[in-house]
Amino acid sequence: MYIGIGFGLYVLFTIGLYHVLVVKLEERFGTGPWIVFMLLGVLCLFLSWQTSSQTVSMWWGYNAFLNLWTVKEMFDQPRRRQMSSAS
């Protein structure tokens, strides 16, 4: 009944958390952690495909694309940091 509200809050929380993760991880380790996010994304994609529950599949699918998008963000972060320090 309230799954949409709960999922929406989960999305909001994880997007905020991953934003901080990208900034801090890239600052400390460079773009190296991208492989972890890639592997997590592929694993979540597989789990989304394998589950029989639509709700659980949606949750795994969201996590898959959250992690896969983070790969892109890991490589965009150095450029953003450089642009902000130049201003």
C-alpha atoms as a PDB file:
ATOM      1  CA  MET A   1       0.000   0.000   0.000  1.00  0.00           C
ATOM      2  CA  TYR A   2       2.753   2.457   0.894  1.00  0.00           C
ATOM      3  CA  ILE A   3       5.462   0.897  -1.253  1.00  0.00           C
ATOM      4  CA  GLY A   4       5.630   3.921  -3.560  1.00  0.00           C
ATOM      5  CA  ILE A   5       6.264   6.326  -0.703  1.00  0.00           C
ATOM      6  CA  GLY A   6       8.831   4.013   0.854  1.00  0.00           C
ATOM      7  CA  PHE A   7      10.581   3.499  -2.463  1.00  0.00           C
ATOM      8  CA  GLY A   8      10.571   7.245  -3.127  1.00  0.00           C
ATOM      9  CA  LEU A   9      12.231   7.901   0.225  1.00  0.00           C
ATOM     10  CA  TYR A  10      14.751   5.157  -0.504  1.00  0.00           C
ATOM     11  CA  VAL A  11      15.566   6.763  -3.877  1.00  0.00           C
ATOM     12  CA  LEU A  12      15.987  10.185  -2.282  1.00  0.00           C
ATOM     13  CA  PHE A  13      18.267   8.792   0.441  1.00  0.00           C
ATOM     14  CA  THR A  14      20.440   6.731  -1.910  1.00  0.00           C
ATOM     15  CA  ILE A  15      20.913   9.530  -4.447  1.00  0.00           C
ATOM     16  CA  GLY A  16      22.102  11.823  -1.657  1.00  0.00           C
ATOM     17  CA  LEU A  17      24.339   9.110  -0.200  1.00  0.00           C
ATOM     18  CA  TYR A  18      25.890   8.261  -3.564  1.00  0.00           C
ATOM     19  CA  HIS A  19      26.552  11.935  -4.287  1.00  0.00           C
ATOM     20  CA  VAL A  20      28.636  12.159  -1.116  1.00  0.00           C
ATOM     21  CA  LEU A  21      30.270   8.781  -1.847  1.00  0.00           C
ATOM     22  CA  VAL A  22      31.372   9.861  -5.328  1.00  0.00           C
ATOM     23  CA  VAL A  23      32.888  13.109  -4.061  1.00  0.00           C
ATOM     24  CA  LYS A  24      34.712  11.509  -1.115  1.00  0.00           C
ATOM     25  CA  LEU A  25      35.889   8.373  -2.917  1.00  0.00           C
ATOM     26  CA  GLU A  26      37.164  10.275  -5.951  1.00  0.00           C
ATOM     27  CA  GLU A  27      38.910  12.776  -3.685  1.00  0.00           C
ATOM     28  CA  ARG A  28      40.698  10.000  -1.800  1.00  0.00           C
ATOM     29  CA  PHE A  29      41.242   7.249  -4.411  1.00  0.00           C
ATOM     30  CA  GLY A  30      40.814   8.970  -7.774  1.00  0.00           C
ATOM     31  CA  THR A  31      38.588   7.225 -10.293  1.00  0.00           C
ATOM     32  CA  GLY A  32      39.757   3.753  -9.205  1.00  0.00           C
ATOM     33  CA  PRO A  33      36.579   2.717  -7.331  1.00  0.00           C
ATOM     34  CA  TRP A  34      34.576   2.771 -10.586  1.00  0.00           C
ATOM     35  CA  ILE A  35      35.144  -0.970 -10.984  1.00  0.00           C
ATOM     36  CA  VAL A  36      33.380  -1.707  -7.691  1.00  0.00           C
ATOM     37  CA  PHE A  37      30.337   0.275  -8.810  1.00  0.00           C
ATOM     38  CA  MET A  38      30.400  -1.484 -12.190  1.00  0.00           C
ATOM     39  CA  LEU A  39      30.478  -4.913 -10.561  1.00  0.00           C
ATOM     40  CA  LEU A  40      27.705  -3.966  -8.116  1.00  0.00           C
ATOM     41  CA  GLY A  41      25.621  -2.624 -10.991  1.00  0.00           C
ATOM     42  CA  VAL A  42      26.005  -5.780 -13.060  1.00  0.00           C
ATOM     43  CA  LEU A  43      25.256  -7.973 -10.025  1.00  0.00           C
ATOM     44  CA  CYS A  44      22.111  -5.972  -9.213  1.00  0.00           C
ATOM     45  CA  LEU A  45      21.050  -6.128 -12.872  1.00  0.00           C
ATOM     46  CA  PHE A  46      21.399  -9.903 -12.822  1.00  0.00           C
ATOM     47  CA  LEU A  47      19.456 -10.169  -9.551  1.00  0.00           C
ATOM     48  CA  SER A  48      16.717  -7.935 -10.951  1.00  0.00           C
ATOM     49  CA  TRP A  49      16.429 -10.195 -13.969  1.00  0.00           C
ATOM     50  CA  GLN A  50      16.372 -13.394 -11.878  1.00  0.00           C
ATOM     51  CA  THR A  51      13.820 -12.492  -9.208  1.00  0.00           C
ATOM     52  CA  SER A  52      10.190 -13.480  -9.612  1.00  0.00           C
ATOM     53  CA  SER A  53       8.752 -10.632  -7.531  1.00  0.00           C
ATOM     54  CA  GLN A  54       8.059  -7.424  -9.446  1.00  0.00           C
ATOM     55  CA  THR A  55       8.650  -5.295  -6.361  1.00  0.00           C
ATOM     56  CA  VAL A  56      11.994  -6.894  -5.584  1.00  0.00           C
ATOM     57  CA  SER A  57      12.962  -6.763  -9.264  1.00  0.00           C
ATOM     58  CA  MET A  58      12.209  -3.017  -9.289  1.00  0.00           C
ATOM     59  CA  TRP A  59      14.387  -2.530  -6.204  1.00  0.00           C
ATOM     60  CA  TRP A  60      17.308  -4.492  -7.697  1.00  0.00           C
ATOM     61  CA  GLY A  61      16.881  -2.715 -11.031  1.00  0.00           C
ATOM     62  CA  TYR A  62      17.004   0.700  -9.412  1.00  0.00           C
ATOM     63  CA  ASN A  63      20.160  -0.275  -7.500  1.00  0.00           C
ATOM     64  CA  ALA A  64      21.695  -1.609 -10.709  1.00  0.00           C
ATOM     65  CA  PHE A  65      21.273   1.655 -12.571  1.00  0.00           C
ATOM     66  CA  LEU A  66      22.234   3.732  -9.533  1.00  0.00           C
ATOM     67  CA  ASN A  67      25.564   1.915  -9.412  1.00  0.00           C
ATOM     68  CA  LEU A  68      26.071   1.968 -13.183  1.00  0.00           C
ATOM     69  CA  TRP A  69      25.369   5.724 -13.303  1.00  0.00           C
ATOM     70  CA  THR A  70      27.906   6.174 -10.500  1.00  0.00           C
ATOM     71  CA  VAL A  71      30.596   4.817 -12.839  1.00  0.00           C
ATOM     72  CA  LYS A  72      29.960   7.822 -15.116  1.00  0.00           C
ATOM     73  CA  GLU A  73      29.920  10.179 -12.151  1.00  0.00           C
ATOM     74  CA  MET A  74      33.277   8.870 -10.903  1.00  0.00           C
ATOM     75  CA  PHE A  75      34.853  10.000 -14.182  1.00  0.00           C
ATOM     76  CA  ASP A  76      32.964  13.322 -14.282  1.00  0.00           C
ATOM     77  CA  GLN A  77      33.926  14.307 -10.721  1.00  0.00           C
ATOM     78  CA  PRO A  78      37.581  15.278 -11.414  1.00  0.00           C
ATOM     79  CA  ARG A  79      36.430  17.719 -14.109  1.00  0.00           C
ATOM     80  CA  ARG A  80      33.804  19.236 -11.802  1.00  0.00           C
ATOM     81  CA  ARG A  81      36.332  19.581  -8.981  1.00  0.00           C
ATOM     82  CA  GLN A  82      38.826  21.221 -11.332  1.00  0.00           C
ATOM     83  CA  MET A  83      36.195  23.663 -12.626  1.00  0.00           C
ATOM     84  CA  SER A  84      35.120  24.628  -9.099  1.00  0.00           C
ATOM     85  CA  SER A  85      38.702  25.250  -7.946  1.00  0.00           C
ATOM     86  CA  ALA A  86      39.415  27.408 -11.027  1.00  0.00           C
ATOM     87  CA  SER A  87      36.601  29.841 -10.199  1.00  0.00           C
END
